[in-house]
Each structure stands twice: as structure tokens, then as C-alpha cells.
Amino acid sequence: MDRVDAKIESISAGLTEHGWAVVPDFLDMDICQDLVANIRTLQQQGLMHPAGIGRGEQLQVDASVRSDLIYWIDETKLTPPQELALSHLHALQLALNRSLFLGLRSVEAHLTLYRPGGAYAKHVDNFQGTSARVLSCIIYLTPDYHHADGGQLRLYQAETAAGVAANIEVEIDPRGGTLACFLSETVPHEVLTSHRERYSLTAWFRR
């Protein structure tokens, strides 16, 4: 079994057993560093914007709930590192369709920056009344990350009854090159407070 097949098998097994999976070294660090440079340029150009909560008429910006800056990736005008990263995600999409029969049809993605003090309160990724998002994927880009830098992704068990608190499943360090993925509709999660600039590419596979 080669390295790519081993990663796909690990992701498939994790999603089947837990609803989530983590793969270190999913993306080469040189691509990660190019994407970080991309984000910094976008920020200097004023193109990284505060992320909202909800959609349509219910869309609002509330930094007490979510305080990241984002740039939605347009596949018609990709930079070279964006194109490389998305090629990895499209390959993963095809592989998961073969192994888990998920029926994934498209990918939407944005670049993400959490500044020091940034966080995102507990939530699930599907908007109310829709189940279009099937799988959430985060590729961490931050170089030279240390645990004390914060910004961990905390995943919870699916809530089985109203008013019953979900137990913490895992906390994932956002180390550069790591992929974390989880089922969009059933896995509550949050981003803990970051103590340094935290970079990532966030994507959703949709039906």
C-alpha cells in the first residue's frame, strides 16, 4: 500500500468509526507556506473579511461567537498554491466517493486567518434546514506551531438528546500540513482561543 492509499484508508476508517479523521502531513509544507504568504497578501489588500454566522437575510457578524477572517476561493482565478491544495481535495473527494459511496459532487473552500485572541464557539457546519454539506475538511497551514499557541479544534460527540451535553471526543493541534475532517451535520466542534496568527484552508464537500 502506498502513502496516498494509506491516508485514504485512514480517513475512511476514521469517518466510519468516529465521524472524524486526522491525517498529519496531508499537504507539503512548501505549499502550506505559499498559502500563508497568499493569505498575508490578501490581508494587506483588504480582501480578508470578518466571517459571518448564518446565511442570506440571517447572516450576521458577531465576533463574540466567531472572530476569523476569511477569503472565499474562486476556482476560476486560482493562485498556484490554491490550485495545488484544491487538487489534493478533489482527489480526496473522488477517493471517498469510491470507498464510502458519499455521493460528493462539489467543493467550496475559503482561506482562514485567526488573529491572536480569535476563536469560534461550538457549532455544526450545516445551515438550519439543509444537509448539503456532507464533510468538513480543514488543512492547517501554520508553520512552526506549538501546543501552547492554542487554536486547537475541539470535536464533540454527536448530541443524542435535546439538552444533553456532548462529551469532548478529541482536541486537534493545528499543525501545518495536517488535515482534519469530520461529518458536517453531526459533529459539533469549536475553535479554541488562538494565541498567535493561525492559518488554514477550510473546505466542505457537498452533494
C-alpha atoms as a PDB file:
ATOM      1  CA  MET A   1       0.000   0.000   0.000  1.00  0.00           C
ATOM      2  CA  ASP A   2       1.480   3.390  -0.970  1.00  0.00           C
ATOM      3  CA  ARG A   3       1.400   6.556   1.134  1.00  0.00           C
ATOM      4  CA  VAL A   4      -1.664   8.052  -0.590  1.00  0.00           C
ATOM      5  CA  ASP A   5      -3.706   4.848  -0.287  1.00  0.00           C
ATOM      6  CA  ALA A   6      -2.762   4.584   3.395  1.00  0.00           C
ATOM      7  CA  LYS A   7      -4.030   8.126   4.008  1.00  0.00           C
ATOM      8  CA  ILE A   8      -7.332   7.426   2.244  1.00  0.00           C
ATOM      9  CA  GLU A   9      -7.774   4.204   4.198  1.00  0.00           C
ATOM     10  CA  SER A  10      -7.065   6.055   7.459  1.00  0.00           C
ATOM     11  CA  ILE A  11      -9.594   8.776   6.623  1.00  0.00           C
ATOM     12  CA  SER A  12     -12.267   6.267   5.557  1.00  0.00           C
ATOM     13  CA  ALA A  13     -11.778   4.204   8.716  1.00  0.00           C
ATOM     14  CA  GLY A  14     -11.907   7.269  10.972  1.00  0.00           C
ATOM     15  CA  LEU A  15     -15.070   8.634   9.371  1.00  0.00           C
ATOM     16  CA  THR A  16     -16.766   5.242   9.595  1.00  0.00           C
ATOM     17  CA  GLU A  17     -15.786   4.597  13.210  1.00  0.00           C
ATOM     18  CA  HIS A  18     -15.840   8.064  14.778  1.00  0.00           C
ATOM     19  CA  GLY A  19     -17.290  10.513  12.250  1.00  0.00           C
ATOM     20  CA  TRP A  20     -13.893  12.271  12.054  1.00  0.00           C
ATOM     21  CA  ALA A  21     -10.303  11.659  10.982  1.00  0.00           C
ATOM     22  CA  VAL A  22      -6.935  13.378  11.308  1.00  0.00           C
ATOM     23  CA  VAL A  23      -4.024  12.950   8.884  1.00  0.00           C
ATOM     24  CA  PRO A  24      -0.630  14.612   9.552  1.00  0.00           C
ATOM     25  CA  ASP A  25       1.412  15.707   6.526  1.00  0.00           C
ATOM     26  CA  PHE A  26      -1.585  15.724   4.190  1.00  0.00           C
ATOM     27  CA  LEU A  27      -0.163  18.790   2.443  1.00  0.00           C
ATOM     28  CA  ASP A  28       3.536  19.505   1.912  1.00  0.00           C
ATOM     29  CA  MET A  29       4.873  22.370   3.997  1.00  0.00           C
ATOM     30  CA  ASP A  30       6.136  24.282   0.973  1.00  0.00           C
ATOM     31  CA  ILE A  31       2.532  24.501  -0.288  1.00  0.00           C
ATOM     32  CA  CYS A  32       1.378  25.477   3.216  1.00  0.00           C
ATOM     33  CA  GLN A  33       3.944  28.272   3.366  1.00  0.00           C
ATOM     34  CA  ASP A  34       2.900  29.538  -0.068  1.00  0.00           C
ATOM     35  CA  LEU A  35      -0.731  29.624   1.105  1.00  0.00           C
ATOM     36  CA  VAL A  36       0.260  31.517   4.248  1.00  0.00           C
ATOM     37  CA  ALA A  37       2.020  34.066   2.026  1.00  0.00           C
ATOM     38  CA  ASN A  38      -1.150  34.165  -0.097  1.00  0.00           C
ATOM     39  CA  ILE A  39      -3.276  34.931   2.989  1.00  0.00           C
ATOM     40  CA  ARG A  40      -0.903  37.662   4.159  1.00  0.00           C
ATOM     41  CA  THR A  41      -1.064  39.306   0.742  1.00  0.00           C
ATOM     42  CA  LEU A  42      -4.857  39.126   0.715  1.00  0.00           C
ATOM     43  CA  GLN A  43      -4.926  40.670   4.186  1.00  0.00           C
ATOM     44  CA  GLN A  44      -2.659  43.529   3.060  1.00  0.00           C
ATOM     45  CA  GLN A  45      -5.014  44.083   0.105  1.00  0.00           C
ATOM     46  CA  GLY A  46      -8.033  44.252   2.430  1.00  0.00           C
ATOM     47  CA  LEU A  47      -9.556  41.083   0.973  1.00  0.00           C
ATOM     48  CA  MET A  48      -9.693  39.005   4.176  1.00  0.00           C
ATOM     49  CA  HIS A  49     -13.092  39.798   5.692  1.00  0.00           C
ATOM     50  CA  PRO A  50     -14.744  39.003   9.043  1.00  0.00           C
ATOM     51  CA  ALA A  51     -16.652  35.728   8.751  1.00  0.00           C
ATOM     52  CA  GLY A  52     -20.390  35.731   9.279  1.00  0.00           C
ATOM     53  CA  ILE A  53     -22.812  33.386  11.023  1.00  0.00           C
ATOM     54  CA  GLY A  54     -25.854  32.060   9.165  1.00  0.00           C
ATOM     55  CA  ARG A  55     -26.738  32.830   5.566  1.00  0.00           C
ATOM     56  CA  GLY A  56     -28.942  35.025   3.428  1.00  0.00           C
ATOM     57  CA  GLU A  57     -31.009  37.519   5.427  1.00  0.00           C
ATOM     58  CA  GLN A  58     -29.910  35.850   8.678  1.00  0.00           C
ATOM     59  CA  LEU A  59     -26.197  36.420   8.001  1.00  0.00           C
ATOM     60  CA  GLN A  60     -24.582  38.423  10.793  1.00  0.00           C
ATOM     61  CA  VAL A  61     -21.082  39.160  12.054  1.00  0.00           C
ATOM     62  CA  ASP A  62     -20.627  38.530  15.770  1.00  0.00           C
ATOM     63  CA  ALA A  63     -17.011  38.466  16.930  1.00  0.00           C
ATOM     64  CA  SER A  64     -18.084  37.113  20.339  1.00  0.00           C
ATOM     65  CA  VAL A  65     -19.108  33.892  18.549  1.00  0.00           C
ATOM     66  CA  ARG A  66     -16.760  33.807  15.576  1.00  0.00           C
ATOM     67  CA  SER A  67     -13.744  36.045  15.011  1.00  0.00           C
ATOM     68  CA  ASP A  68     -11.862  34.683  11.998  1.00  0.00           C
ATOM     69  CA  LEU A  69     -11.109  36.466   8.740  1.00  0.00           C
ATOM     70  CA  ILE A  70     -11.845  34.596   5.505  1.00  0.00           C
ATOM     71  CA  TYR A  71     -11.402  34.772   1.747  1.00  0.00           C
ATOM     72  CA  TRP A  72     -13.685  32.576  -0.389  1.00  0.00           C
ATOM     73  CA  ILE A  73     -11.697  30.770  -3.071  1.00  0.00           C
ATOM     74  CA  ASP A  74     -12.860  31.314  -6.651  1.00  0.00           C
ATOM     75  CA  GLU A  75     -11.939  28.301  -8.774  1.00  0.00           C
ATOM     76  CA  THR A  76     -11.962  30.476 -11.908  1.00  0.00           C
ATOM     77  CA  LYS A  77      -8.987  32.540 -10.661  1.00  0.00           C
ATOM     78  CA  LEU A  78      -6.802  30.314  -8.516  1.00  0.00           C
ATOM     79  CA  THR A  79      -3.287  31.162  -7.429  1.00  0.00           C
ATOM     80  CA  PRO A  80      -0.794  28.293  -7.950  1.00  0.00           C
ATOM     81  CA  PRO A  81      -0.804  27.198  -4.243  1.00  0.00           C
ATOM     82  CA  GLN A  82      -4.599  27.350  -4.139  1.00  0.00           C
ATOM     83  CA  GLU A  83      -4.726  25.159  -7.247  1.00  0.00           C
ATOM     84  CA  LEU A  84      -2.359  22.603  -5.698  1.00  0.00           C
ATOM     85  CA  ALA A  85      -4.311  22.464  -2.434  1.00  0.00           C
ATOM     86  CA  LEU A  86      -7.644  22.080  -4.209  1.00  0.00           C
ATOM     87  CA  SER A  87      -6.213  19.321  -6.417  1.00  0.00           C
ATOM     88  CA  HIS A  88      -5.493  17.355  -3.219  1.00  0.00           C
ATOM     89  CA  LEU A  89      -9.047  17.958  -2.014  1.00  0.00           C
ATOM     90  CA  HIS A  90     -10.613  16.940  -5.336  1.00  0.00           C
ATOM     91  CA  ALA A  91      -8.543  13.739  -5.289  1.00  0.00           C
ATOM     92  CA  LEU A  92      -9.773  13.067  -1.748  1.00  0.00           C
ATOM     93  CA  GLN A  93     -13.351  13.689  -2.886  1.00  0.00           C
ATOM     94  CA  LEU A  94     -13.077  11.066  -5.631  1.00  0.00           C
ATOM     95  CA  ALA A  95     -11.386   8.562  -3.321  1.00  0.00           C
ATOM     96  CA  LEU A  96     -14.037   8.921  -0.601  1.00  0.00           C
ATOM     97  CA  ASN A  97     -16.810   8.547  -3.172  1.00  0.00           C
ATOM     98  CA  ARG A  98     -15.217   5.249  -4.181  1.00  0.00           C
ATOM     99  CA  SER A  99     -14.593   3.971  -0.656  1.00  0.00           C
ATOM    100  CA  LEU A 100     -17.621   5.278   1.255  1.00  0.00           C
ATOM    101  CA  PHE A 101     -20.166   5.998  -1.530  1.00  0.00           C
ATOM    102  CA  LEU A 102     -20.794   9.513  -0.186  1.00  0.00           C
ATOM    103  CA  GLY A 103     -22.021  10.999  -3.466  1.00  0.00           C
ATOM    104  CA  LEU A 104     -19.875  14.130  -3.060  1.00  0.00           C
ATOM    105  CA  ARG A 105     -20.326  16.446  -6.059  1.00  0.00           C
ATOM    106  CA  SER A 106     -18.547  19.710  -5.308  1.00  0.00           C
ATOM    107  CA  VAL A 107     -16.125  21.533  -3.026  1.00  0.00           C
ATOM    108  CA  GLU A 108     -16.423  25.026  -1.562  1.00  0.00           C
ATOM    109  CA  ALA A 109     -13.487  26.489   0.317  1.00  0.00           C
ATOM    110  CA  HIS A 110     -12.075  29.570   1.951  1.00  0.00           C
ATOM    111  CA  LEU A 111      -8.731  30.652   3.358  1.00  0.00           C
ATOM    112  CA  THR A 112      -8.899  31.410   7.068  1.00  0.00           C
ATOM    113  CA  LEU A 113      -6.942  33.593   9.476  1.00  0.00           C
ATOM    114  CA  TYR A 114      -7.424  33.686  13.232  1.00  0.00           C
ATOM    115  CA  ARG A 115      -5.534  36.559  14.815  1.00  0.00           C
ATOM    116  CA  PRO A 116      -4.344  36.354  18.461  1.00  0.00           C
ATOM    117  CA  GLY A 117      -7.441  36.090  20.658  1.00  0.00           C
ATOM    118  CA  GLY A 118      -9.549  34.655  17.814  1.00  0.00           C
ATOM    119  CA  ALA A 119     -11.923  31.734  18.411  1.00  0.00           C
ATOM    120  CA  TYR A 120     -15.152  30.143  17.139  1.00  0.00           C
ATOM    121  CA  ALA A 121     -17.821  28.928  19.566  1.00  0.00           C
ATOM    122  CA  LYS A 122     -19.305  25.421  19.426  1.00  0.00           C
ATOM    123  CA  HIS A 123     -21.445  24.775  16.342  1.00  0.00           C
ATOM    124  CA  VAL A 124     -22.175  22.366  13.495  1.00  0.00           C
ATOM    125  CA  ASP A 125     -21.409  23.219   9.880  1.00  0.00           C
ATOM    126  CA  ASN A 126     -24.722  22.698   8.120  1.00  0.00           C
ATOM    127  CA  PHE A 127     -27.120  25.617   7.937  1.00  0.00           C
ATOM    128  CA  GLN A 128     -30.521  25.057   9.511  1.00  0.00           C
ATOM    129  CA  GLY A 129     -32.885  23.319   7.101  1.00  0.00           C
ATOM    130  CA  THR A 130     -30.224  21.966   4.741  1.00  0.00           C
ATOM    131  CA  SER A 131     -27.893  18.970   4.619  1.00  0.00           C
ATOM    132  CA  ALA A 132     -25.923  19.931   1.506  1.00  0.00           C
ATOM    133  CA  ARG A 133     -22.598  19.961   3.356  1.00  0.00           C
ATOM    134  CA  VAL A 134     -21.525  16.374   3.957  1.00  0.00           C
ATOM    135  CA  LEU A 135     -17.883  16.547   5.014  1.00  0.00           C
ATOM    136  CA  SER A 136     -15.904  19.402   6.557  1.00  0.00           C
ATOM    137  CA  CYS A 137     -12.158  19.488   5.887  1.00  0.00           C
ATOM    138  CA  ILE A 138      -9.550  21.781   7.408  1.00  0.00           C
ATOM    139  CA  ILE A 139      -5.972  21.858   6.193  1.00  0.00           C
ATOM    140  CA  TYR A 140      -3.775  23.616   8.739  1.00  0.00           C
ATOM    141  CA  LEU A 141      -1.051  25.857   7.356  1.00  0.00           C
ATOM    142  CA  THR A 142       0.630  27.490  10.369  1.00  0.00           C
ATOM    143  CA  PRO A 143       4.401  26.893  10.298  1.00  0.00           C
ATOM    144  CA  ASP A 144       6.342  26.102  13.485  1.00  0.00           C
ATOM    145  CA  TYR A 145       3.190  25.553  15.535  1.00  0.00           C
ATOM    146  CA  HIS A 146       3.488  24.673  19.244  1.00  0.00           C
ATOM    147  CA  HIS A 147       0.718  23.367  21.517  1.00  0.00           C
ATOM    148  CA  ALA A 148       0.953  26.487  23.711  1.00  0.00           C
ATOM    149  CA  ASP A 149      -0.012  28.574  20.636  1.00  0.00           C
ATOM    150  CA  GLY A 150      -3.634  27.474  21.163  1.00  0.00           C
ATOM    151  CA  GLY A 151      -6.249  27.453  18.409  1.00  0.00           C
ATOM    152  CA  GLN A 152      -6.998  23.735  18.788  1.00  0.00           C
ATOM    153  CA  LEU A 153     -10.004  22.245  17.026  1.00  0.00           C
ATOM    154  CA  ARG A 154     -12.210  20.581  19.636  1.00  0.00           C
ATOM    155  CA  LEU A 155     -14.616  17.911  18.367  1.00  0.00           C
ATOM    156  CA  TYR A 156     -17.572  16.658  20.393  1.00  0.00           C
ATOM    157  CA  GLN A 157     -19.647  13.513  20.272  1.00  0.00           C
ATOM    158  CA  ALA A 158     -22.895  13.938  18.400  1.00  0.00           C
ATOM    159  CA  GLU A 159     -25.663  15.208  20.681  1.00  0.00           C
ATOM    160  CA  THR A 160     -28.194  12.412  21.118  1.00  0.00           C
ATOM    161  CA  ALA A 161     -30.916  14.264  23.023  1.00  0.00           C
ATOM    162  CA  ALA A 162     -32.023  17.855  23.498  1.00  0.00           C
ATOM    163  CA  GLY A 163     -30.360  19.450  26.497  1.00  0.00           C
ATOM    164  CA  VAL A 164     -27.815  16.656  26.947  1.00  0.00           C
ATOM    165  CA  ALA A 165     -24.246  17.935  26.794  1.00  0.00           C
ATOM    166  CA  ALA A 166     -21.959  16.180  24.331  1.00  0.00           C
ATOM    167  CA  ASN A 167     -18.649  14.820  25.580  1.00  0.00           C
ATOM    168  CA  ILE A 168     -15.377  16.033  24.075  1.00  0.00           C
ATOM    169  CA  GLU A 169     -14.032  13.482  21.598  1.00  0.00           C
ATOM    170  CA  VAL A 170     -10.660  14.978  20.702  1.00  0.00           C
ATOM    171  CA  GLU A 171      -8.651  18.207  20.526  1.00  0.00           C
ATOM    172  CA  ILE A 172      -6.544  18.608  17.396  1.00  0.00           C
ATOM    173  CA  ASP A 173      -3.457  20.804  17.263  1.00  0.00           C
ATOM    174  CA  PRO A 174      -3.473  22.944  14.078  1.00  0.00           C
ATOM    175  CA  ARG A 175       0.000  21.894  12.944  1.00  0.00           C
ATOM    176  CA  GLY A 176       0.983  22.900   9.430  1.00  0.00           C
ATOM    177  CA  GLY A 177       0.197  20.233   6.821  1.00  0.00           C
ATOM    178  CA  THR A 178      -2.369  18.384   8.974  1.00  0.00           C
ATOM    179  CA  LEU A 179      -5.826  17.557   7.622  1.00  0.00           C
ATOM    180  CA  ALA A 180      -8.783  17.278   9.994  1.00  0.00           C
ATOM    181  CA  CYS A 181     -12.115  16.164   8.553  1.00  0.00           C
ATOM    182  CA  PHE A 182     -15.478  15.351  10.099  1.00  0.00           C
ATOM    183  CA  LEU A 183     -19.135  14.886   9.219  1.00  0.00           C
ATOM    184  CA  SER A 184     -20.625  18.342   8.770  1.00  0.00           C
ATOM    185  CA  GLU A 185     -24.122  17.684  10.080  1.00  0.00           C
ATOM    186  CA  THR A 186     -23.474  15.526  13.139  1.00  0.00           C
ATOM    187  CA  VAL A 187     -20.147  16.553  14.712  1.00  0.00           C
ATOM    188  CA  PRO A 188     -20.298  19.663  16.926  1.00  0.00           C
ATOM    189  CA  HIS A 189     -16.978  21.461  17.146  1.00  0.00           C
ATOM    190  CA  GLU A 190     -15.276  24.678  18.198  1.00  0.00           C
ATOM    191  CA  VAL A 191     -12.005  26.503  17.699  1.00  0.00           C
ATOM    192  CA  LEU A 192     -10.270  27.328  20.978  1.00  0.00           C
ATOM    193  CA  THR A 193      -8.658  30.713  21.500  1.00  0.00           C
ATOM    194  CA  SER A 194      -5.545  31.202  19.412  1.00  0.00           C
ATOM    195  CA  HIS A 195      -2.537  32.927  20.928  1.00  0.00           C
ATOM    196  CA  ARG A 196      -0.820  33.630  17.601  1.00  0.00           C
ATOM    197  CA  GLU A 197      -1.843  34.027  13.974  1.00  0.00           C
ATOM    198  CA  ARG A 198      -3.421  30.714  12.884  1.00  0.00           C
ATOM    199  CA  TYR A 199      -3.769  29.925   9.164  1.00  0.00           C
ATOM    200  CA  SER A 200      -5.862  27.276   7.432  1.00  0.00           C
ATOM    201  CA  LEU A 201      -7.788  26.301   4.340  1.00  0.00           C
ATOM    202  CA  THR A 202     -11.338  25.264   5.221  1.00  0.00           C
ATOM    203  CA  ALA A 203     -13.452  23.281   2.757  1.00  0.00           C
ATOM    204  CA  TRP A 204     -16.767  21.484   2.565  1.00  0.00           C
ATOM    205  CA  PHE A 205     -17.648  18.590   0.292  1.00  0.00           C
ATOM    206  CA  ARG A 206     -21.246  18.914  -0.865  1.00  0.00           C
ATOM    207  CA  ARG A 207     -23.837  16.718  -2.501  1.00  0.00           C
END
